[in-house]
C-alpha atoms as a PDB file:
ATOM      1  CA  MET A   1     -11.442  23.360  -8.708  1.00  0.00           C
ATOM      2  CA  ARG A   2     -13.184  26.705  -8.670  1.00  0.00           C
ATOM      3  CA  GLY A   3     -16.439  28.339  -7.738  1.00  0.00           C
ATOM      4  CA  TRP A   4     -18.852  27.104  -5.221  1.00  0.00           C
ATOM      5  CA  ALA A   5     -16.843  23.636  -5.045  1.00  0.00           C
ATOM      6  CA  TYR A   6     -13.702  25.460  -4.122  1.00  0.00           C
ATOM      7  CA  ASP A   7     -15.385  27.870  -1.608  1.00  0.00           C
ATOM      8  CA  TRP A   8     -17.146  24.859  -0.192  1.00  0.00           C
ATOM      9  CA  PHE A   9     -13.885  22.808   0.501  1.00  0.00           C
ATOM     10  CA  LYS A  10     -12.017  25.921   1.855  1.00  0.00           C
ATOM     11  CA  SER A  11     -15.033  26.644   4.435  1.00  0.00           C
ATOM     12  CA  TYR A  12     -14.418  22.840   5.514  1.00  0.00           C
ATOM     13  CA  LEU A  13     -10.630  22.717   5.540  1.00  0.00           C
ATOM     14  CA  GLY A  14     -10.038  26.281   6.706  1.00  0.00           C
ATOM     15  CA  GLU A  15     -10.185  28.245   9.849  1.00  0.00           C
ATOM     16  CA  ARG A  16      -9.390  25.434  12.057  1.00  0.00           C
ATOM     17  CA  PHE A  17      -7.202  25.440  15.266  1.00  0.00           C
ATOM     18  CA  HIS A  18      -5.666  23.037  17.859  1.00  0.00           C
ATOM     19  CA  TYR A  19      -3.959  23.363  21.006  1.00  0.00           C
ATOM     20  CA  VAL A  20      -2.191  21.127  23.629  1.00  0.00           C
ATOM     21  CA  GLU A  21      -3.566  20.234  27.058  1.00  0.00           C
ATOM     22  CA  LEU A  22      -1.314  18.853  29.708  1.00  0.00           C
ATOM     23  CA  ASN A  23      -2.189  18.812  33.463  1.00  0.00           C
ATOM     24  CA  GLY A  24      -5.217  21.061  33.034  1.00  0.00           C
ATOM     25  CA  ARG A  25      -3.015  23.767  31.221  1.00  0.00           C
ATOM     26  CA  LYS A  26      -3.747  24.366  27.613  1.00  0.00           C
ATOM     27  CA  SER A  27      -1.316  26.007  25.116  1.00  0.00           C
ATOM     28  CA  GLU A  28      -2.251  28.808  22.829  1.00  0.00           C
ATOM     29  CA  MET A  29      -4.295  28.252  19.787  1.00  0.00           C
ATOM     30  CA  ALA A  30      -2.479  27.550  16.483  1.00  0.00           C
ATOM     31  CA  ARG A  31      -3.716  27.447  13.052  1.00  0.00           C
ATOM     32  CA  ALA A  32      -4.051  24.134  11.134  1.00  0.00           C
ATOM     33  CA  THR A  33      -2.287  24.620   7.943  1.00  0.00           C
ATOM     34  CA  ASN A  34      -2.040  20.914   6.679  1.00  0.00           C
ATOM     35  CA  GLY A  35      -4.143  17.780   6.957  1.00  0.00           C
ATOM     36  CA  VAL A  36      -7.808  16.941   7.479  1.00  0.00           C
ATOM     37  CA  PRO A  37      -9.920  16.695  10.424  1.00  0.00           C
ATOM     38  CA  GLN A  38      -9.354  13.485  12.233  1.00  0.00           C
ATOM     39  CA  GLY A  39     -12.458  11.298  12.622  1.00  0.00           C
ATOM     40  CA  SER A  40     -14.312  13.374   9.903  1.00  0.00           C
ATOM     41  CA  ASN A  41     -16.662  11.916   6.899  1.00  0.00           C
ATOM     42  CA  LEU A  42     -14.580  13.586   4.418  1.00  0.00           C
ATOM     43  CA  GLY A  43     -11.059  12.969   5.957  1.00  0.00           C
ATOM     44  CA  PRO A  44     -10.692   9.347   4.467  1.00  0.00           C
ATOM     45  CA  ILE A  45     -12.141  10.512   1.079  1.00  0.00           C
ATOM     46  CA  LEU A  46      -9.718  13.732   0.789  1.00  0.00           C
ATOM     47  CA  PHE A  47      -6.746  11.537   1.873  1.00  0.00           C
ATOM     48  CA  SER A  48      -7.367   9.021  -0.716  1.00  0.00           C
ATOM     49  CA  ILE A  49      -7.759  11.923  -3.312  1.00  0.00           C
ATOM     50  CA  TYR A  50      -4.576  13.228  -2.152  1.00  0.00           C
ATOM     51  CA  ILE A  51      -2.363  10.299  -2.480  1.00  0.00           C
ATOM     52  CA  ASN A  52      -4.220   8.914  -5.363  1.00  0.00           C
ATOM     53  CA  ASP A  53      -1.392   9.738  -7.885  1.00  0.00           C
ATOM     54  CA  ILE A  54       1.208   7.542  -6.034  1.00  0.00           C
ATOM     55  CA  ASN A  55      -0.284   4.801  -8.474  1.00  0.00           C
ATOM     56  CA  ARG A  56       1.245   6.587 -11.472  1.00  0.00           C
ATOM     57  CA  MET A  57       4.862   5.765 -10.436  1.00  0.00           C
ATOM     58  CA  LYS A  58       6.689   3.189 -12.622  1.00  0.00           C
ATOM     59  CA  LEU A  59       7.639   0.793  -9.918  1.00  0.00           C
ATOM     60  CA  HIS A  60       9.266  -2.519  -9.880  1.00  0.00           C
ATOM     61  CA  GLY A  61       6.581  -4.085  -7.413  1.00  0.00           C
ATOM     62  CA  SER A  62       2.831  -3.868  -7.464  1.00  0.00           C
ATOM     63  CA  LEU A  63       1.115  -1.178  -5.166  1.00  0.00           C
ATOM     64  CA  THR A  64      -1.827  -1.856  -3.009  1.00  0.00           C
ATOM     65  CA  LEU A  65      -3.263   0.905  -0.889  1.00  0.00           C
ATOM     66  CA  PHE A  66      -5.669   0.795   1.888  1.00  0.00           C
ATOM     67  CA  ALA A  67      -6.162   4.321   3.188  1.00  0.00           C
ATOM     68  CA  ASP A  68      -2.667   5.283   4.482  1.00  0.00           C
ATOM     69  CA  ASP A  69      -1.532   1.687   4.422  1.00  0.00           C
ATOM     70  CA  ILE A  70       0.909   1.206   1.518  1.00  0.00           C
ATOM     71  CA  ASN A  71       1.955  -2.230   0.509  1.00  0.00           C
ATOM     72  CA  LEU A  72       4.530  -3.333  -2.255  1.00  0.00           C
ATOM     73  CA  PHE A  73       4.696  -6.759  -3.739  1.00  0.00           C
ATOM     74  CA  TYR A  74       7.438  -8.592  -5.765  1.00  0.00           C
ATOM     75  CA  VAL A  75       8.203 -11.513  -7.905  1.00  0.00           C
ATOM     76  CA  GLY A  76      11.340 -12.915  -8.347  1.00  0.00           C
ATOM     77  CA  ASP A  77      13.964 -15.926  -8.579  1.00  0.00           C
ATOM     78  CA  SER A  78      16.720 -14.075  -6.904  1.00  0.00           C
ATOM     79  CA  PRO A  79      16.670 -12.431  -3.304  1.00  0.00           C
ATOM     80  CA  GLU A  80      19.587  -9.934  -4.128  1.00  0.00           C
ATOM     81  CA  GLY A  81      17.423  -8.891  -7.339  1.00  0.00           C
ATOM     82  CA  LEU A  82      14.410  -8.412  -5.228  1.00  0.00           C
ATOM     83  CA  ILE A  83      16.259  -6.315  -2.685  1.00  0.00           C
ATOM     84  CA  ILE A  84      17.934  -3.955  -5.300  1.00  0.00           C
ATOM     85  CA  SER A  85      14.488  -3.434  -6.602  1.00  0.00           C
ATOM     86  CA  MET A  86      12.988  -2.699  -3.300  1.00  0.00           C
ATOM     87  CA  LYS A  87      15.639  -0.123  -2.756  1.00  0.00           C
ATOM     88  CA  GLU A  88      14.961   1.575  -6.085  1.00  0.00           C
ATOM     89  CA  ASP A  89      11.144   1.732  -5.349  1.00  0.00           C
ATOM     90  CA  LEU A  90      11.722   2.945  -2.069  1.00  0.00           C
ATOM     91  CA  LEU A  91      13.882   5.854  -3.022  1.00  0.00           C
ATOM     92  CA  GLN A  92      11.268   6.882  -5.631  1.00  0.00           C
ATOM     93  CA  ILE A  93       8.434   6.574  -2.959  1.00  0.00           C
ATOM     94  CA  GLN A  94      10.601   8.690  -0.647  1.00  0.00           C
ATOM     95  CA  ARG A  95      11.097  11.681  -3.369  1.00  0.00           C
ATOM     96  CA  TRP A  96       7.209  11.597  -3.708  1.00  0.00           C
ATOM     97  CA  LEU A  97       6.564  11.540  -0.143  1.00  0.00           C
ATOM     98  CA  ASP A  98       8.789  14.594   0.258  1.00  0.00           C
ATOM     99  CA  VAL A  99       7.208  16.492  -2.619  1.00  0.00           C
ATOM    100  CA  ASN A 100       3.544  15.807  -1.200  1.00  0.00           C
ATOM    101  CA  ARG A 101       5.000  16.734   2.569  1.00  0.00           C
ATOM    102  CA  LEU A 102       4.262  13.282   3.873  1.00  0.00           C
ATOM    103  CA  PHE A 103       6.223  11.088   6.072  1.00  0.00           C
ATOM    104  CA  MET A 104       7.466   7.394   5.996  1.00  0.00           C
ATOM    105  CA  ASN A 105       7.551   6.056   9.290  1.00  0.00           C
ATOM    106  CA  THR A 106      10.650   3.710   9.169  1.00  0.00           C
ATOM    107  CA  LYS A 107       9.964   1.917  12.427  1.00  0.00           C
ATOM    108  CA  LYS A 108       6.613   0.643  11.068  1.00  0.00           C
ATOM    109  CA  THR A 109       7.977  -0.219   7.697  1.00  0.00           C
ATOM    110  CA  ASN A 110       9.177  -3.714   7.233  1.00  0.00           C
ATOM    111  CA  TYR A 111       9.248  -6.613   4.677  1.00  0.00           C
ATOM    112  CA  VAL A 112       8.834 -10.259   4.438  1.00  0.00           C
ATOM    113  CA  LEU A 113      10.423 -12.739   1.962  1.00  0.00           C
ATOM    114  CA  PHE A 114       8.041 -15.192   1.180  1.00  0.00           C
ATOM    115  CA  ARG A 115       9.689 -18.547   0.073  1.00  0.00           C
ATOM    116  CA  LYS A 116       9.439 -22.267   0.373  1.00  0.00           C
ATOM    117  CA  PRO A 117      10.503 -23.694   3.779  1.00  0.00           C
ATOM    118  CA  ASN A 118      13.795 -25.318   2.193  1.00  0.00           C
ATOM    119  CA  THR A 119      15.041 -22.120   0.457  1.00  0.00           C
ATOM    120  CA  MET A 120      17.986 -20.725   2.034  1.00  0.00           C
ATOM    121  CA  LEU A 121      18.498 -16.842   2.159  1.00  0.00           C
ATOM    122  CA  PRO A 122      21.906 -15.076   2.246  1.00  0.00           C
ATOM    123  CA  GLU A 123      22.676 -13.572   5.401  1.00  0.00           C
ATOM    124  CA  ASP A 124      23.964 -10.260   4.219  1.00  0.00           C
ATOM    125  CA  LEU A 125      20.556  -9.078   2.932  1.00  0.00           C
ATOM    126  CA  VAL A 126      19.845  -5.727   4.074  1.00  0.00           C
ATOM    127  CA  LEU A 127      17.218  -3.125   3.162  1.00  0.00           C
ATOM    128  CA  SER A 128      17.808   0.426   4.154  1.00  0.00           C
ATOM    129  CA  LEU A 129      16.194   3.762   3.675  1.00  0.00           C
ATOM    130  CA  ASN A 130      17.571   7.357   4.956  1.00  0.00           C
ATOM    131  CA  SER A 131      20.442   5.592   6.767  1.00  0.00           C
ATOM    132  CA  GLY A 132      17.893   3.149   8.697  1.00  0.00           C
ATOM    133  CA  VAL A 133      17.647  -0.302   8.292  1.00  0.00           C
ATOM    134  CA  LEU A 134      14.231  -1.855   7.890  1.00  0.00           C
ATOM    135  CA  GLU A 135      13.300  -4.844   9.836  1.00  0.00           C
ATOM    136  CA  ARG A 136      12.687  -8.091   8.094  1.00  0.00           C
ATOM    137  CA  MET A 137       9.686  -9.793   9.319  1.00  0.00           C
ATOM    138  CA  ARG A 138       9.073 -13.693   9.798  1.00  0.00           C
ATOM    139  CA  CYS A 139       5.340 -12.861   9.869  1.00  0.00           C
ATOM    140  CA  ALA A 140       3.435  -9.410   9.057  1.00  0.00           C
ATOM    141  CA  ARG A 141       0.000  -8.504   9.638  1.00  0.00           C
ATOM    142  CA  PHE A 142      -2.049  -7.348   6.504  1.00  0.00           C
ATOM    143  CA  LEU A 143      -5.512  -6.183   7.032  1.00  0.00           C
ATOM    144  CA  GLY A 144      -5.968  -8.251  10.073  1.00  0.00           C
ATOM    145  CA  LEU A 145      -4.451 -11.450   8.327  1.00  0.00           C
ATOM    146  CA  PHE A 146      -0.957 -12.472   9.650  1.00  0.00           C
ATOM    147  CA  ILE A 147       0.751 -13.651   6.805  1.00  0.00           C
ATOM    148  CA  ASP A 148       4.030 -15.753   7.595  1.00  0.00           C
ATOM    149  CA  GLU A 149       6.934 -16.220   5.152  1.00  0.00           C
ATOM    150  CA  TYR A 150       6.025 -19.685   4.368  1.00  0.00           C
ATOM    151  CA  LEU A 151       2.409 -19.103   3.782  1.00  0.00           C
ATOM    152  CA  CYS A 152       1.662 -21.912   6.317  1.00  0.00           C
ATOM    153  CA  TRP A 153      -1.145 -19.841   8.153  1.00  0.00           C
ATOM    154  CA  ASP A 154      -0.109 -21.207  11.611  1.00  0.00           C
ATOM    155  CA  ASP A 155       0.324 -17.790  12.874  1.00  0.00           C
ATOM    156  CA  HIS A 156      -3.228 -16.474  11.820  1.00  0.00           C
ATOM    157  CA  ILE A 157      -4.767 -19.800  13.165  1.00  0.00           C
ATOM    158  CA  ASN A 158      -3.209 -19.311  16.612  1.00  0.00           C
ATOM    159  CA  PHE A 159      -4.315 -15.889  16.526  1.00  0.00           C
ATOM    160  CA  VAL A 160      -7.837 -16.871  15.904  1.00  0.00           C
ATOM    161  CA  MET A 161      -7.762 -19.473  18.683  1.00  0.00           C
ATOM    162  CA  LYS A 162      -6.383 -17.040  21.081  1.00  0.00           C
ATOM    163  CA  LYS A 163      -9.229 -14.454  20.232  1.00  0.00           C
ATOM    164  CA  ILE A 164     -12.260 -17.104  20.356  1.00  0.00           C
ATOM    165  CA  SER A 165     -11.054 -19.036  23.345  1.00  0.00           C
ATOM    166  CA  PRO A 166     -12.019 -16.762  25.975  1.00  0.00           C
ATOM    167  CA  ILE A 167     -15.429 -16.236  24.224  1.00  0.00           C
ATOM    168  CA  VAL A 168     -15.881 -20.060  24.254  1.00  0.00           C
ATOM    169  CA  GLY A 169     -15.181 -20.058  28.070  1.00  0.00           C
ATOM    170  CA  ILE A 170     -17.658 -17.246  28.621  1.00  0.00           C
ATOM    171  CA  MET A 171     -20.539 -19.243  26.657  1.00  0.00           C
ATOM    172  CA  PHE A 172     -19.611 -22.248  28.739  1.00  0.00           C
ATOM    173  CA  ARG A 173     -20.590 -20.365  32.004  1.00  0.00           C
ATOM    174  CA  LEU A 174     -23.522 -18.863  30.064  1.00  0.00           C
ATOM    175  CA  ARG A 175     -25.212 -22.442  28.893  1.00  0.00           C
ATOM    176  CA  ASN A 176     -27.239 -22.781  32.125  1.00  0.00           C
ATOM    177  CA  VAL A 177     -28.884 -19.319  31.698  1.00  0.00           C
ATOM    178  CA  LEU A 178     -29.468 -18.852  28.093  1.00  0.00           C
ATOM    179  CA  ASP A 179     -31.226 -21.194  25.596  1.00  0.00           C
ATOM    180  CA  PHE A 180     -30.158 -22.232  22.447  1.00  0.00           C
ATOM    181  CA  SER A 181     -31.129 -19.198  20.222  1.00  0.00           C
ATOM    182  CA  PRO A 182     -29.272 -16.572  22.185  1.00  0.00           C
ATOM    183  CA  LEU A 183     -26.252 -18.746  22.435  1.00  0.00           C
ATOM    184  CA  LYS A 184     -26.385 -19.298  18.492  1.00  0.00           C
ATOM    185  CA  THR A 185     -26.510 -15.689  18.183  1.00  0.00           C
ATOM    186  CA  ILE A 186     -23.350 -14.989  20.250  1.00  0.00           C
ATOM    187  CA  TYR A 187     -21.537 -17.730  18.143  1.00  0.00           C
ATOM    188  CA  TYR A 188     -22.321 -16.031  15.103  1.00  0.00           C
ATOM    189  CA  GLY A 189     -21.619 -12.467  16.207  1.00  0.00           C
ATOM    190  CA  LEU A 190     -18.183 -13.466  18.092  1.00  0.00           C
ATOM    191  CA  ILE A 191     -16.982 -16.506  16.957  1.00  0.00           C
ATOM    192  CA  GLN A 192     -18.326 -17.436  13.247  1.00  0.00           C
ATOM    193  CA  SER A 193     -17.397 -13.731  12.341  1.00  0.00           C
ATOM    194  CA  ASN A 194     -13.784 -14.362  13.515  1.00  0.00           C
ATOM    195  CA  LEU A 195     -13.572 -17.764  11.716  1.00  0.00           C
ATOM    196  CA  GLN A 196     -15.256 -16.423   8.410  1.00  0.00           C
ATOM    197  CA  TYR A 197     -12.704 -13.307   8.216  1.00  0.00           C
ATOM    198  CA  MET A 198     -10.304 -14.190   5.361  1.00  0.00           C
ATOM    199  CA  ILE A 199     -11.163 -17.925   5.599  1.00  0.00           C
ATOM    200  CA  LEU A 200     -10.697 -18.228   2.060  1.00  0.00           C
ATOM    201  CA  ILE A 201      -7.033 -17.597   2.403  1.00  0.00           C
ATOM    202  CA  TRP A 202      -6.081 -19.213   5.625  1.00  0.00           C
ATOM    203  CA  SER A 203      -8.161 -22.465   5.160  1.00  0.00           C
ATOM    204  CA  THR A 204      -5.666 -23.365   2.768  1.00  0.00           C
ATOM    205  CA  ALA A 205      -3.449 -24.566   5.497  1.00  0.00           C
ATOM    206  CA  THR A 206      -2.718 -28.112   6.287  1.00  0.00           C
ATOM    207  CA  GLN A 207      -5.094 -30.426   8.198  1.00  0.00           C
ATOM    208  CA  SER A 208      -2.842 -30.640  11.098  1.00  0.00           C
ATOM    209  CA  LEU A 209      -2.783 -26.844  11.663  1.00  0.00           C
ATOM    210  CA  LEU A 210      -6.736 -26.645  11.085  1.00  0.00           C
ATOM    211  CA  ALA A 211      -7.431 -29.824  13.525  1.00  0.00           C
ATOM    212  CA  PRO A 212      -6.995 -27.596  16.926  1.00  0.00           C
ATOM    213  CA  LEU A 213      -9.300 -24.905  15.593  1.00  0.00           C
ATOM    214  CA  GLU A 214     -11.851 -27.526  14.513  1.00  0.00           C
ATOM    215  CA  THR A 215     -11.646 -29.235  18.065  1.00  0.00           C
ATOM    216  CA  LEU A 216     -12.451 -25.856  19.478  1.00  0.00           C
ATOM    217  CA  GLN A 217     -15.304 -25.159  17.292  1.00  0.00           C
ATOM    218  CA  ASN A 218     -16.765 -28.932  18.011  1.00  0.00           C
ATOM    219  CA  LYS A 219     -16.568 -27.744  21.789  1.00  0.00           C
ATOM    220  CA  VAL A 220     -18.428 -24.655  21.515  1.00  0.00           C
ATOM    221  CA  VAL A 221     -21.270 -25.893  19.159  1.00  0.00           C
ATOM    222  CA  LYS A 222     -21.794 -28.677  21.986  1.00  0.00           C
ATOM    223  CA  ILE A 223     -21.948 -25.850  24.484  1.00  0.00           C
ATOM    224  CA  ILE A 224     -24.619 -24.250  22.463  1.00  0.00           C
ATOM    225  CA  LEU A 225     -26.665 -27.615  22.118  1.00  0.00           C
ATOM    226  CA  LYS A 226     -25.931 -28.500  25.933  1.00  0.00           C
ATOM    227  CA  ALA A 227     -25.130 -31.987  24.346  1.00  0.00           C
ATOM    228  CA  PRO A 228     -22.992 -34.711  25.947  1.00  0.00           C
ATOM    229  CA  LEU A 229     -19.301 -34.570  25.143  1.00  0.00           C
ATOM    230  CA  LEU A 230     -19.282 -37.820  23.194  1.00  0.00           C
ATOM    231  CA  THR A 231     -22.052 -36.856  20.830  1.00  0.00           C
ATOM    232  CA  PRO A 232     -21.227 -37.686  17.255  1.00  0.00           C
ATOM    233  CA  THR A 233     -19.720 -34.497  15.510  1.00  0.00           C
ATOM    234  CA  ASP A 234     -21.707 -34.862  12.352  1.00  0.00           C
ATOM    235  CA  ARG A 235     -25.027 -34.881  14.736  1.00  0.00           C
ATOM    236  CA  ILE A 236     -24.330 -31.694  16.257  1.00  0.00           C
ATOM    237  CA  TYR A 237     -23.869 -29.718  13.300  1.00  0.00           C
ATOM    238  CA  GLN A 238     -26.618 -31.015  11.543  1.00  0.00           C
ATOM    239  CA  VAL A 239     -29.020 -30.188  14.539  1.00  0.00           C
ATOM    240  CA  SER A 240     -27.572 -26.744  15.065  1.00  0.00           C
ATOM    241  CA  LYS A 241     -27.496 -25.614  11.282  1.00  0.00           C
ATOM    242  CA  ILE A 242     -23.731 -24.365  11.954  1.00  0.00           C
ATOM    243  CA  LEU A 243     -21.108 -24.916   9.160  1.00  0.00           C
ATOM    244  CA  ARG A 244     -17.777 -26.590  10.106  1.00  0.00           C
ATOM    245  CA  ILE A 245     -14.534 -24.832   9.088  1.00  0.00           C
ATOM    246  CA  ARG A 246     -14.033 -26.822   5.876  1.00  0.00           C
ATOM    247  CA  GLU A 247     -17.875 -26.181   5.106  1.00  0.00           C
ATOM    248  CA  LEU A 248     -17.452 -22.643   5.654  1.00  0.00           C
ATOM    249  CA  ALA A 249     -14.731 -22.105   3.474  1.00  0.00           C
ATOM    250  CA  ASN A 250     -16.338 -23.859   0.807  1.00  0.00           C
ATOM    251  CA  TYR A 251     -19.287 -21.749   1.359  1.00  0.00           C
ATOM    252  CA  VAL A 252     -17.439 -18.727   1.044  1.00  0.00           C
ATOM    253  CA  ALA A 253     -15.336 -19.741  -1.880  1.00  0.00           C
ATOM    254  CA  ALA A 254     -18.551 -20.996  -3.910  1.00  0.00           C
ATOM    255  CA  GLY A 255     -20.217 -17.632  -3.090  1.00  0.00           C
ATOM    256  CA  PHE A 256     -17.280 -15.848  -4.252  1.00  0.00           C
ATOM    257  CA  GLY A 257     -17.174 -17.573  -7.565  1.00  0.00           C
ATOM    258  CA  PHE A 258     -20.647 -17.276  -8.065  1.00  0.00           C
ATOM    259  CA  SER A 259     -20.898 -13.627  -7.410  1.00  0.00           C
ATOM    260  CA  ILE A 260     -18.281 -12.637  -9.916  1.00  0.00           C
ATOM    261  CA  LEU A 261     -19.570 -15.159 -12.772  1.00  0.00           C
ATOM    262  CA  HIS A 262     -23.013 -14.065 -12.231  1.00  0.00           C
ATOM    263  CA  GLY A 263     -22.582 -10.432 -12.032  1.00  0.00           C
ATOM    264  CA  PHE A 264     -23.221  -9.697  -8.317  1.00  0.00           C
ATOM    265  CA  MET A 265     -19.753  -8.339  -7.544  1.00  0.00           C
ATOM    266  CA  LYS A 266     -16.776  -7.124  -9.609  1.00  0.00           C
ATOM    267  CA  SER A 267     -13.179  -8.645  -9.269  1.00  0.00           C
ATOM    268  CA  GLN A 268      -9.834  -8.395 -10.844  1.00  0.00           C
ATOM    269  CA  THR A 269      -9.835 -12.394 -10.585  1.00  0.00           C
ATOM    270  CA  ILE A 270     -10.398 -13.925 -14.132  1.00  0.00           C
ATOM    271  CA  PHE A 271     -11.910 -17.269 -14.180  1.00  0.00           C
ATOM    272  CA  VAL A 272     -11.661 -19.338 -17.380  1.00  0.00           C
ATOM    273  CA  ARG A 273     -14.229 -21.810 -18.421  1.00  0.00           C
ATOM    274  CA  ASN A 274     -13.266 -25.248 -20.027  1.00  0.00           C
ATOM    275  CA  LEU A 275     -14.838 -24.423 -23.270  1.00  0.00           C
ATOM    276  CA  THR A 276     -12.230 -21.805 -23.841  1.00  0.00           C
ATOM    277  CA  VAL A 277      -9.511 -24.125 -23.317  1.00  0.00           C
ATOM    278  CA  HIS A 278     -10.756 -27.103 -25.680  1.00  0.00           C
ATOM    279  CA  SER A 279     -13.412 -27.253 -28.241  1.00  0.00           C
ATOM    280  CA  HIS A 280     -14.610 -30.821 -27.923  1.00  0.00           C
ATOM    281  CA  GLY A 281     -17.746 -31.347 -26.091  1.00  0.00           C
ATOM    282  CA  THR A 282     -17.661 -32.818 -22.493  1.00  0.00           C
ATOM    283  CA  ARG A 283     -20.001 -33.000 -19.575  1.00  0.00           C
ATOM    284  CA  SER A 284     -17.622 -30.346 -17.771  1.00  0.00           C
ATOM    285  CA  ILE A 285     -17.263 -27.996 -20.600  1.00  0.00           C
ATOM    286  CA  SER A 286     -19.086 -25.097 -18.955  1.00  0.00           C
ATOM    287  CA  LYS A 287     -17.177 -25.626 -15.478  1.00  0.00           C
ATOM    288  CA  LEU A 288     -14.217 -23.565 -14.578  1.00  0.00           C
ATOM    289  CA  TYR A 289     -10.987 -24.490 -15.737  1.00  0.00           C
ATOM    290  CA  LEU A 290      -8.566 -25.936 -13.192  1.00  0.00           C
ATOM    291  CA  ARG A 291      -4.987 -24.453 -13.932  1.00  0.00           C
ATOM    292  CA  PRO A 292      -2.250 -27.033 -13.732  1.00  0.00           C
ATOM    293  CA  PHE A 293       0.444 -26.288 -10.967  1.00  0.00           C
ATOM    294  CA  LYS A 294       3.788 -27.981 -10.125  1.00  0.00           C
ATOM    295  CA  THR A 295       3.074 -27.570  -6.345  1.00  0.00           C
ATOM    296  CA  THR A 296       0.389 -28.760  -4.199  1.00  0.00           C
ATOM    297  CA  LYS A 297       0.657 -26.247  -1.404  1.00  0.00           C
ATOM    298  CA  TYR A 298       1.252 -23.169  -3.406  1.00  0.00           C
ATOM    299  CA  GLY A 299      -0.786 -24.108  -6.442  1.00  0.00           C
ATOM    300  CA  LYS A 300      -3.216 -27.032  -6.504  1.00  0.00           C
ATOM    301  CA  ASN A 301      -4.586 -26.200  -3.077  1.00  0.00           C
ATOM    302  CA  GLY A 302      -4.503 -22.457  -3.614  1.00  0.00           C
ATOM    303  CA  VAL A 303      -7.099 -19.838  -3.347  1.00  0.00           C
ATOM    304  CA  TYR A 304      -7.865 -19.764  -7.270  1.00  0.00           C
ATOM    305  CA  ASN A 305      -8.259 -23.533  -7.459  1.00  0.00           C
ATOM    306  CA  GLN A 306     -10.170 -23.688  -4.118  1.00  0.00           C
ATOM    307  CA  ILE A 307     -12.755 -21.370  -5.727  1.00  0.00           C
ATOM    308  CA  CYS A 308     -12.706 -23.252  -9.109  1.00  0.00           C
ATOM    309  CA  GLN A 309     -13.405 -26.568  -7.212  1.00  0.00           C
ATOM    310  CA  ALA A 310     -16.243 -25.156  -5.039  1.00  0.00           C
ATOM    311  CA  TYR A 311     -17.892 -23.416  -7.820  1.00  0.00           C
ATOM    312  CA  ASN A 312     -17.315 -26.868 -10.259  1.00  0.00           C
ATOM    313  CA  SER A 313     -19.258 -28.806  -7.245  1.00  0.00           C
ATOM    314  CA  LEU A 314     -22.488 -26.582  -7.474  1.00  0.00           C
ATOM    315  CA  THR A 315     -25.662 -28.365  -8.675  1.00  0.00           C
ATOM    316  CA  ASP A 316     -27.860 -26.746 -11.358  1.00  0.00           C
ATOM    317  CA  ASP A 317     -30.539 -25.738  -9.032  1.00  0.00           C
ATOM    318  CA  LEU A 318     -27.964 -23.483  -7.140  1.00  0.00           C
ATOM    319  CA  LEU A 319     -26.491 -22.323 -10.237  1.00  0.00           C
ATOM    320  CA  GLN A 320     -29.804 -20.974 -11.230  1.00  0.00           C
ATOM    321  CA  SER A 321     -30.065 -18.974  -8.074  1.00  0.00           C
ATOM    322  CA  ARG A 322     -31.848 -15.641  -9.008  1.00  0.00           C
ATOM    323  CA  SER A 323     -29.942 -13.675  -6.330  1.00  0.00           C
ATOM    324  CA  LEU A 324     -26.712 -14.182  -3.879  1.00  0.00           C
ATOM    325  CA  SER A 325     -28.756 -14.465  -0.782  1.00  0.00           C
ATOM    326  CA  HIS A 326     -31.047 -17.096  -2.334  1.00  0.00           C
ATOM    327  CA  PHE A 327     -27.681 -18.723  -3.478  1.00  0.00           C
ATOM    328  CA  LYS A 328     -26.476 -18.845   0.288  1.00  0.00           C
ATOM    329  CA  ASN A 329     -29.604 -19.950   1.803  1.00  0.00           C
ATOM    330  CA  GLN A 330     -30.026 -22.914  -0.818  1.00  0.00           C
ATOM    331  CA  PHE A 331     -26.256 -23.808  -0.293  1.00  0.00           C
ATOM    332  CA  LYS A 332     -26.733 -24.071   3.344  1.00  0.00           C
ATOM    333  CA  LYS A 333     -29.719 -26.366   3.002  1.00  0.00           C
ATOM    334  CA  LYS A 334     -27.878 -28.564   0.681  1.00  0.00           C
ATOM    335  CA  ILE A 335     -25.223 -29.007   3.222  1.00  0.00           C
ATOM    336  CA  SER A 336     -27.820 -29.661   5.949  1.00  0.00           C
ATOM    337  CA  SER A 337     -29.171 -32.494   3.775  1.00  0.00           C
ATOM    338  CA  LEU A 338     -26.007 -34.154   3.210  1.00  0.00           C
ATOM    339  CA  LEU A 339     -25.173 -34.255   6.971  1.00  0.00           C
ATOM    340  CA  GLU A 340     -28.663 -35.734   7.542  1.00  0.00           C
ATOM    341  CA  THR A 341     -28.043 -38.763   5.356  1.00  0.00           C
ATOM    342  CA  LYS A 342     -24.653 -39.259   7.393  1.00  0.00           C
ATOM    343  CA  CYS A 343     -26.357 -38.892  10.856  1.00  0.00           C
ATOM    344  CA  GLU A 344     -28.083 -41.712  12.756  1.00  0.00           C
ATOM    345  CA  ASP A 345     -31.972 -41.460  13.236  1.00  0.00           C
ATOM    346  CA  ASN A 346     -31.540 -41.173  16.973  1.00  0.00           C
ATOM    347  CA  CYS A 347     -32.032 -37.653  18.785  1.00  0.00           C
ATOM    348  CA  LEU A 348     -29.583 -35.817  21.409  1.00  0.00           C
END
């Protein structure tokens, strides 16, 4: 980098000073020789450029970056072998950090060993770095998603319930002063936004874990409609045009598959159609191929198969949607029409 581009960045990063203020007293000004201005527009971009070559390291695990949040993922049959690979990678990453004058906060660095519930782990498994032992977590937070060691999603579901329960209480008090439309707006902004976040992943939980959250959703929809407590569940969703948790998950899964396969979004996920697996003609030859899995929880009911099943259930008119927004609108209308056939003719 040279010329006017270099001068521009030099002007942006140079001649910056900082000081400390404590109890009304200010320290002397000190020149900032490292880093980028916090809260600036170019700060995240410059930081990403600065650490971008970390992906060039030959690591045992796969590296995922989100700003300054670095995650490593490993797959293996032996916990001892995984720990060895993790130690080797951490030493290599530590050398890279030292060269680039960056610092790893070992207090915030931890790891999770994902496994089936009945899998036993040796008690002497220890992962250390710089004479410090890294903490092994039962559950870790990754971009707002709580991932537990068994992938049961109970921690995340409990987190969502604790987050939206106070909002449900507020809406209960507002039902006497607000009409249906503003109450529904509050629902979409403060409740469904929390329900929909990462729902494609955590909705693979068992029905017993989802049941309390579904009960809470039923309660708030009845509050929005000011409906009696014993109103049939299908009826309140048919009238309110609100998607239930399972319908919302199916809606997101179908939209994800539609966006990728119709060129509206790019993804590393590769979907295979039946016609590439077998050549004989069938009615489902153009549908997505469902991979055979040995397990139900971690395979058959996994995210990939959920997307494939949701996409395969789409009708021809939905598949011919001209845009993603048109597809979403038509999909919601389909769900509403299905609910109407299940509901009785009586009104609330």
